[in-house]
């Protein structure tokens, strides 16, 4: 895994610009405030050493990376720099190379640091709150999708294809809408309206934002799995379920932008884009709304088209006797379809042949009556 790198920049005009850059694009920053040396040289009684350096962090970008690397790296770096400067300042005073400051605090601590989190998301279960909400909803949906796959055989026999596809879409949409609402309500119930100052205030607008994000993520995932379930035989349902769930969990926990090239494919997964949107709703940091919403809505549209195609293929297989109720195909050991296409075809051929023989017999009888003996 790659790590964030240090870059020295001097193109910011104010501390506010640094905060905005960190909120939108950065992991963190160490800012040496303007006039720090001058304030130390003219230190008065009200001198505050913490005005010298400001540590700007963005815990809302990715909580696991922030807790395991960013916060500790920034803290240790600033602590080492402050300690080294304070030691050097005291030695300069002892050697007479620097004047004795008026303020006792400037003598004991020449420089210090303050910390600002511009996109706070540091409450207790922040690293896994998004994963738990998505995962619980998805696992409940998997059970429903498999049940619908096993119980919709009759619809393919009696209902038009477009109506079958529309019914599946409406059922999946309603099911995911309900469970995504439960996930948004669970987020609200866990921390309450203020989130103890460790995240942005929980408002009605943020509730609906969480609901919409959870629904879009769950809907895209459900349509993806249902498109596979419709055509797969029962033995492969567990495989595609495990692959989908495992990759989705990894894409939520792993910082994709810091991972190796292989993991960049997770940018396309609904869980990853939904997790980034949820973090932005909670903290306001790292806004990538266009990219995340575009991928989610594009995947929903694409999966609707794919589901339309696979339901048509499934209905053709059912009506021709190539697929049975659980989804086994003709020629497999467990295949048993109530619509034996091959038998129906042979029956139609035999009926035609019988009708032709009857016609020939009638013609022969007619010829005999007319006196044509055939000699």
Protein backbone atom coordinates (compact mmCIF):
# COMPACT_ATOMS: atom_id res chain seq x y z
CA UNK A 1 0.00 0.00 0.00
CA UNK A 2 1.21 3.47 -0.84
CA UNK A 3 1.34 6.26 1.75
CA UNK A 4 0.51 9.96 1.42
CA UNK A 5 3.59 12.01 0.58
CA UNK A 6 4.80 15.35 1.92
CA UNK A 7 4.80 18.39 -0.33
CA UNK A 8 5.97 21.87 0.55
CA UNK A 9 3.70 24.61 -0.74
CA UNK A 10 3.86 28.37 -0.42
CA UNK A 11 1.02 29.37 -2.74
CA UNK A 12 -1.65 29.82 -0.07
CA UNK A 13 -2.45 33.36 0.98
CA UNK A 14 -4.15 32.53 4.26
CA UNK A 15 -4.83 29.74 6.73
CA UNK A 16 -8.43 29.59 5.50
CA UNK A 17 -7.24 28.65 2.03
CA UNK A 18 -5.19 25.83 3.48
CA UNK A 19 -8.21 24.57 5.41
CA UNK A 20 -10.36 24.61 2.29
CA UNK A 21 -7.72 22.74 0.29
CA UNK A 22 -7.36 20.09 2.98
CA UNK A 23 -11.14 19.70 3.21
CA UNK A 24 -11.51 19.21 -0.52
CA UNK A 25 -8.34 17.40 -1.61
CA UNK A 26 -5.79 16.81 1.16
CA UNK A 27 -5.16 14.44 4.02
CA UNK A 28 -3.65 17.07 6.31
CA UNK A 29 -1.23 19.97 6.50
CA UNK A 30 1.29 21.53 8.89
CA UNK A 31 1.05 25.33 8.58
CA UNK A 32 3.69 27.73 9.90
CA UNK A 33 1.59 30.80 10.49
CA UNK A 34 2.70 34.16 9.18
CA UNK A 35 4.60 36.33 11.65
CA UNK A 36 5.54 33.49 13.99
CA UNK A 37 9.18 34.58 14.29
CA UNK A 38 8.22 38.22 14.79
CA UNK A 39 5.74 37.39 17.52
CA UNK A 40 8.37 35.30 19.30
CA UNK A 41 10.97 38.09 19.09
CA UNK A 42 8.49 40.62 20.47
CA UNK A 43 6.89 38.23 22.92
CA UNK A 44 4.76 40.07 25.44
CA UNK A 45 2.93 38.84 28.49
CA UNK A 46 0.00 37.55 26.41
CA UNK A 47 2.15 35.52 24.03
CA UNK A 48 0.52 32.23 22.97
CA UNK A 49 3.03 29.70 21.55
CA UNK A 50 0.24 27.70 19.90
CA UNK A 51 -0.23 30.50 17.38
CA UNK A 52 3.04 29.53 15.71
CA UNK A 53 1.97 26.27 14.04
CA UNK A 54 -1.46 24.99 13.00
CA UNK A 55 -2.05 21.33 12.18
CA UNK A 56 -4.96 20.95 9.75
CA UNK A 57 -6.50 17.48 9.40
CA UNK A 58 -9.30 15.85 7.45
CA UNK A 59 -10.60 12.86 9.38
CA UNK A 60 -13.67 12.59 7.15
CA UNK A 61 -11.73 11.54 4.05
CA UNK A 62 -11.03 8.01 5.30
CA UNK A 63 -11.29 7.18 8.99
CA UNK A 64 -9.07 4.08 8.96
CA UNK A 65 -6.20 5.86 7.20
CA UNK A 66 -6.62 8.89 9.44
CA UNK A 67 -6.56 6.86 12.66
CA UNK A 68 -3.75 4.51 11.66
CA UNK A 69 -1.41 6.82 9.78
CA UNK A 70 -2.35 10.47 9.18
CA UNK A 71 -3.06 11.59 12.74
CA UNK A 72 -0.04 9.85 14.27
CA UNK A 73 2.31 11.04 11.51
CA UNK A 74 1.27 14.67 11.76
CA UNK A 75 1.36 14.63 15.56
CA UNK A 76 4.81 13.02 15.80
CA UNK A 77 6.25 15.27 13.09
CA UNK A 78 5.02 18.46 14.71
CA UNK A 79 6.09 17.30 18.16
CA UNK A 80 9.62 16.56 16.95
CA UNK A 81 9.87 19.90 15.17
CA UNK A 82 8.52 21.88 18.14
CA UNK A 83 10.80 20.08 20.61
CA UNK A 84 13.87 20.65 18.45
CA UNK A 85 13.10 24.36 17.98
CA UNK A 86 12.38 24.97 21.66
CA UNK A 87 15.65 23.28 22.64
CA UNK A 88 17.57 25.33 20.13
CA UNK A 89 15.88 28.54 21.33
CA UNK A 90 16.83 27.90 24.96
CA UNK A 91 20.44 27.18 23.95
CA UNK A 92 20.56 30.45 21.99
CA UNK A 93 19.34 32.37 25.06
CA UNK A 94 21.98 30.69 27.23
CA UNK A 95 24.72 31.64 24.77
CA UNK A 96 23.37 35.18 24.51
CA UNK A 97 22.51 34.82 20.84
CA UNK A 98 18.85 35.58 21.53
CA UNK A 99 17.19 38.04 23.83
CA UNK A 100 15.32 36.89 26.91
CA UNK A 101 11.60 37.13 26.09
CA UNK A 102 9.29 39.13 28.34
CA UNK A 103 6.68 36.39 28.45
CA UNK A 104 7.52 33.39 30.68
CA UNK A 105 5.53 31.14 28.34
CA UNK A 106 7.77 32.16 25.44
CA UNK A 107 10.81 31.23 27.54
CA UNK A 108 9.49 27.80 28.49
CA UNK A 109 7.79 27.03 25.16
CA UNK A 110 8.94 29.16 22.27
CA UNK A 111 6.60 27.60 19.75
CA UNK A 112 3.66 25.26 20.02
CA UNK A 113 0.91 23.97 17.81
CA UNK A 114 -2.87 23.90 17.57
CA UNK A 115 -4.98 21.35 15.73
CA UNK A 116 -8.01 21.91 13.51
CA UNK A 117 -10.13 19.15 11.97
CA UNK A 118 -11.87 20.72 8.97
CA UNK A 119 -14.03 17.65 8.23
CA UNK A 120 -14.60 15.90 11.56
CA UNK A 121 -15.70 12.28 11.61
CA UNK A 122 -14.09 10.79 14.70
CA UNK A 123 -16.97 9.33 16.70
CA UNK A 124 -16.67 5.79 18.02
CA UNK A 125 -17.79 3.57 15.14
CA UNK A 126 -16.97 6.02 12.35
CA UNK A 127 -14.60 3.57 10.55
CA UNK A 128 -17.30 0.88 10.20
CA UNK A 129 -20.64 2.68 10.41
CA UNK A 130 -20.98 2.85 6.61
CA UNK A 131 -19.92 -0.76 6.12
CA UNK A 132 -22.33 -2.15 8.72
CA UNK A 133 -25.29 -0.26 7.25
CA UNK A 134 -24.58 -1.35 3.69
CA UNK A 135 -23.62 -4.91 4.61
CA UNK A 136 -26.67 -5.63 6.78
CA UNK A 137 -29.01 -4.29 4.11
CA UNK A 138 -27.27 -6.26 1.36
CA UNK A 139 -27.35 -9.57 3.24
CA UNK A 140 -31.09 -9.17 3.85
CA UNK A 141 -31.53 -8.41 0.17
CA UNK A 142 -29.54 -11.46 -0.94
CA UNK A 143 -32.00 -13.77 0.81
CA UNK A 144 -34.94 -12.06 -0.88
CA UNK A 145 -33.31 -12.16 -4.32
CA UNK A 146 -32.64 -15.89 -4.11
CA UNK A 147 -36.22 -16.48 -2.96
CA UNK A 148 -37.58 -14.50 -5.92
CA UNK A 149 -35.32 -16.43 -8.30
CA UNK A 150 -36.77 -19.73 -7.04
CA UNK A 151 -40.43 -18.64 -7.06
CA UNK A 152 -40.88 -16.69 -10.30
CA UNK A 153 -41.08 -19.66 -12.70
CA UNK A 154 -44.83 -19.29 -13.08
CA UNK A 155 -44.50 -15.64 -14.03
CA UNK A 156 -42.22 -16.52 -16.93
CA UNK A 157 -44.84 -19.01 -18.16
CA UNK A 158 -47.89 -16.77 -17.98
CA UNK A 159 -46.77 -13.12 -17.97
CA UNK A 160 -45.28 -11.05 -20.78
CA UNK A 161 -41.57 -10.43 -20.61
CA UNK A 162 -41.75 -6.66 -20.14
CA UNK A 163 -44.23 -7.10 -17.30
CA UNK A 164 -41.97 -9.65 -15.58
CA UNK A 165 -39.00 -7.29 -15.83
CA UNK A 166 -41.04 -4.33 -14.59
CA UNK A 167 -42.37 -6.36 -11.65
CA UNK A 168 -38.84 -7.41 -10.64
CA UNK A 169 -37.61 -3.82 -10.87
CA UNK A 170 -40.47 -2.49 -8.75
CA UNK A 171 -40.05 -5.21 -6.10
CA UNK A 172 -36.28 -4.67 -5.88
CA UNK A 173 -36.74 -0.88 -5.80
CA UNK A 174 -39.28 -1.09 -2.96
CA UNK A 175 -37.29 -3.65 -0.99
CA UNK A 176 -34.05 -1.64 -1.16
CA UNK A 177 -35.89 1.60 -0.40
CA UNK A 178 -37.20 0.11 2.85
CA UNK A 179 -33.87 -1.28 4.05
CA UNK A 180 -31.95 1.84 3.09
CA UNK A 181 -34.36 3.86 5.19
CA UNK A 182 -33.64 1.54 8.14
CA UNK A 183 -29.91 2.12 7.66
CA UNK A 184 -30.40 5.91 7.64
CA UNK A 185 -32.58 5.74 10.76
CA UNK A 186 -29.97 3.58 12.51
CA UNK A 187 -27.32 6.21 11.80
CA UNK A 188 -29.60 8.85 13.27
CA UNK A 189 -30.44 6.82 16.37
CA UNK A 190 -26.83 5.96 17.15
CA UNK A 191 -25.43 9.45 17.66
CA UNK A 192 -28.39 11.79 17.88
CA UNK A 193 -28.63 15.27 16.34
CA UNK A 194 -25.25 16.70 17.42
CA UNK A 195 -22.86 13.72 17.08
CA UNK A 196 -21.03 15.08 20.14
CA UNK A 197 -19.10 17.56 18.01
CA UNK A 198 -17.26 14.74 16.19
CA UNK A 199 -19.20 15.17 12.95
CA UNK A 200 -21.48 17.66 11.28
CA UNK A 201 -24.86 18.37 12.79
CA UNK A 202 -27.46 15.76 11.87
CA UNK A 203 -30.30 17.56 10.07
CA UNK A 204 -33.36 16.48 8.11
CA UNK A 205 -31.52 17.20 4.88
CA UNK A 206 -28.61 14.98 5.89
CA UNK A 207 -31.03 12.20 6.83
CA UNK A 208 -32.54 12.21 3.35
CA UNK A 209 -29.04 12.45 1.85
CA UNK A 210 -28.05 9.31 3.76
CA UNK A 211 -31.29 7.61 2.72
CA UNK A 212 -30.79 8.42 -0.96
CA UNK A 213 -27.14 7.36 -0.87
CA UNK A 214 -27.89 4.09 0.89
CA UNK A 215 -30.75 3.38 -1.51
CA UNK A 216 -28.69 4.07 -4.63
CA UNK A 217 -25.85 1.87 -3.33
CA UNK A 218 -28.13 -0.99 -2.33
CA UNK A 219 -30.22 -0.76 -5.52
CA UNK A 220 -27.17 -0.92 -7.80
CA UNK A 221 -25.81 -3.92 -5.86
CA UNK A 222 -29.17 -5.72 -5.84
CA UNK A 223 -29.69 -5.24 -9.58
CA UNK A 224 -26.18 -6.54 -10.23
CA UNK A 225 -26.77 -9.70 -8.19
CA UNK A 226 -30.28 -10.30 -9.56
CA UNK A 227 -28.96 -10.10 -13.12
CA UNK A 228 -26.65 -12.99 -12.24
CA UNK A 229 -29.22 -14.93 -10.22
CA UNK A 230 -31.77 -15.00 -13.05
CA UNK A 231 -29.50 -17.04 -15.35
CA UNK A 232 -27.19 -18.90 -12.95
CA UNK A 233 -27.84 -22.43 -11.80
CA UNK A 234 -28.34 -22.93 -8.04
CA UNK A 235 -24.81 -24.23 -7.50
CA UNK A 236 -23.31 -20.84 -8.46
CA UNK A 237 -25.62 -18.57 -6.46
CA UNK A 238 -23.42 -18.78 -3.38
CA UNK A 239 -20.27 -18.09 -5.38
CA UNK A 240 -21.49 -14.85 -6.95
CA UNK A 241 -22.94 -13.78 -3.58
CA UNK A 242 -19.64 -14.29 -1.78
CA UNK A 243 -17.63 -12.55 -4.50
CA UNK A 244 -19.96 -9.55 -4.49
CA UNK A 245 -20.05 -9.21 -0.70
CA UNK A 246 -16.29 -9.68 -0.17
CA UNK A 247 -15.26 -7.21 -2.87
CA UNK A 248 -17.81 -4.71 -1.62
CA UNK A 249 -16.52 -4.94 1.95
CA UNK A 250 -12.91 -4.54 0.79
CA UNK A 251 -13.77 -1.53 -1.36
CA UNK A 252 -15.33 0.16 1.68
CA UNK A 253 -12.47 -0.49 4.11
CA UNK A 254 -9.44 -0.16 1.83
CA UNK A 255 -8.35 3.36 0.78
CA UNK A 256 -8.42 2.74 -2.96
CA UNK A 257 -6.37 5.83 -3.86
CA UNK A 258 -3.49 4.52 -1.71
CA UNK A 259 -3.75 0.89 -2.81
CA UNK A 260 -1.86 -0.85 -5.60
CA UNK A 261 -3.04 -0.73 -9.18
CA UNK A 262 -5.18 -3.88 -8.95
CA UNK A 263 -7.48 -2.35 -6.37
CA UNK A 264 -8.29 0.63 -8.60
CA UNK A 265 -11.11 -1.46 -10.07
CA UNK A 266 -12.94 -0.85 -6.79
CA UNK A 267 -13.64 2.69 -7.98
CA UNK A 268 -16.48 1.17 -10.01
CA UNK A 269 -18.14 -0.68 -7.11
CA UNK A 270 -21.34 0.76 -5.58
CA UNK A 271 -20.10 0.24 -2.01
CA UNK A 272 -17.00 2.37 -2.58
CA UNK A 273 -18.90 5.28 -4.11
CA UNK A 274 -21.67 5.05 -1.54
CA UNK A 275 -19.13 5.04 1.30
CA UNK A 276 -17.46 8.18 -0.04
CA UNK A 277 -20.84 9.92 -0.29
CA UNK A 278 -21.76 8.91 3.27
CA UNK A 279 -18.43 10.23 4.59
CA UNK A 280 -19.08 13.53 2.84
CA UNK A 281 -22.57 13.73 4.34
CA UNK A 282 -21.20 13.09 7.83
CA UNK A 283 -18.13 15.32 7.65
CA UNK A 284 -18.37 17.58 4.61
CA UNK A 285 -14.88 16.55 3.53
CA UNK A 286 -13.43 15.26 0.25
CA UNK A 287 -16.39 16.12 -2.01
CA UNK A 288 -16.53 13.93 -5.10
CA UNK A 289 -20.28 14.15 -5.65
CA UNK A 290 -20.20 14.23 -9.44
CA UNK A 291 -18.01 11.17 -9.77
CA UNK A 292 -19.75 9.13 -7.07
CA UNK A 293 -23.31 9.95 -8.11
CA UNK A 294 -22.46 9.52 -11.78
CA UNK A 295 -21.06 6.04 -11.21
CA UNK A 296 -23.99 4.95 -9.02
CA UNK A 297 -26.72 6.27 -11.32
CA UNK A 298 -24.89 4.96 -14.40
CA UNK A 299 -24.64 1.50 -12.84
CA UNK A 300 -28.33 1.52 -11.94
CA UNK A 301 -29.27 2.41 -15.53
CA UNK A 302 -26.90 -0.21 -16.96
CA UNK A 303 -28.14 -2.93 -14.61
CA UNK A 304 -31.76 -2.17 -15.55
CA UNK A 305 -30.87 -2.81 -19.20
CA UNK A 306 -28.96 -5.97 -18.29
CA UNK A 307 -31.86 -7.25 -16.16
CA UNK A 308 -34.24 -6.64 -19.09
CA UNK A 309 -32.05 -8.77 -21.35
CA UNK A 310 -31.48 -11.62 -18.90
CA UNK A 311 -35.19 -11.88 -18.01
CA UNK A 312 -35.95 -12.20 -21.73
CA UNK A 313 -33.35 -14.99 -22.02
CA UNK A 314 -34.78 -16.67 -18.93
CA UNK A 315 -38.31 -16.59 -20.32
CA UNK A 316 -37.18 -18.07 -23.64
CA UNK A 317 -35.43 -20.89 -21.78
CA UNK A 318 -38.49 -21.54 -19.62
CA UNK A 319 -41.00 -21.54 -22.47
CA UNK A 320 -38.87 -23.87 -24.59
CA UNK A 321 -38.20 -26.27 -21.75
CA UNK A 322 -34.50 -25.50 -21.49
CA UNK A 323 -34.65 -24.36 -17.85
CA UNK A 324 -36.64 -25.62 -14.86
CA UNK A 325 -37.98 -23.99 -11.71
CA UNK A 326 -34.71 -23.71 -9.67
CA UNK A 327 -32.71 -22.76 -12.76
CA UNK A 328 -31.12 -26.04 -13.86
CA UNK A 329 -30.67 -26.39 -17.62
CA UNK A 330 -31.57 -29.21 -19.97
CA UNK A 331 -28.96 -31.99 -19.78
CA UNK A 332 -27.92 -31.37 -16.17
CA UNK A 333 -28.49 -34.17 -13.64
CA UNK A 334 -31.10 -32.33 -11.57
CA UNK A 335 -33.04 -30.88 -14.51
CA UNK A 336 -36.81 -31.44 -14.30
CA UNK A 337 -38.96 -28.97 -16.19
CA UNK A 338 -42.77 -29.10 -16.36
CA UNK A 339 -42.46 -27.74 -19.90
CA UNK A 340 -40.68 -30.50 -21.89
CA UNK A 341 -39.96 -28.66 -25.10
CA UNK A 342 -38.56 -31.70 -26.94
CA UNK A 343 -41.65 -33.82 -26.21
CA UNK A 344 -44.00 -31.07 -27.32
CA UNK A 345 -42.08 -30.73 -30.57
CA UNK A 346 -42.26 -34.48 -31.34
CA UNK A 347 -45.95 -34.45 -30.53
CA UNK A 348 -46.57 -31.66 -33.02
CA UNK A 349 -44.66 -33.55 -35.75
CA UNK A 350 -46.63 -36.75 -35.18
CA UNK A 351 -49.91 -34.89 -35.38
CA UNK A 352 -48.93 -33.38 -38.74
CA UNK A 353 -47.87 -36.73 -40.10
CA UNK A 354 -51.16 -38.26 -38.97
CA UNK A 355 -53.14 -35.47 -40.60
CA UNK A 356 -51.27 -36.06 -43.88
CA UNK A 357 -51.98 -39.80 -43.79
CA UNK A 358 -55.65 -39.15 -43.15
CA UNK A 359 -55.75 -36.81 -46.16
CA UNK A 360 -54.12 -39.45 -48.38
CA UNK A 361 -56.68 -42.03 -47.25
CA UNK A 362 -59.54 -39.70 -48.09
CA UNK A 363 -58.09 -39.06 -51.55
CA UNK A 364 -57.80 -42.81 -52.21
CA UNK A 365 -61.39 -43.39 -51.21
CA UNK A 366 -62.53 -40.59 -53.48
CA UNK A 367 -60.61 -42.07 -56.41
CA UNK A 368 -62.27 -45.48 -55.96
CA UNK A 369 -65.69 -43.94 -55.96
CA UNK A 370 -64.88 -42.22 -59.27
CA UNK A 371 -63.90 -45.55 -60.86
CA UNK A 372 -60.17 -44.93 -60.90
CA UNK A 373 -58.69 -48.30 -59.87
CA UNK A 374 -55.14 -47.17 -60.26
CA UNK A 375 -54.25 -49.61 -63.12
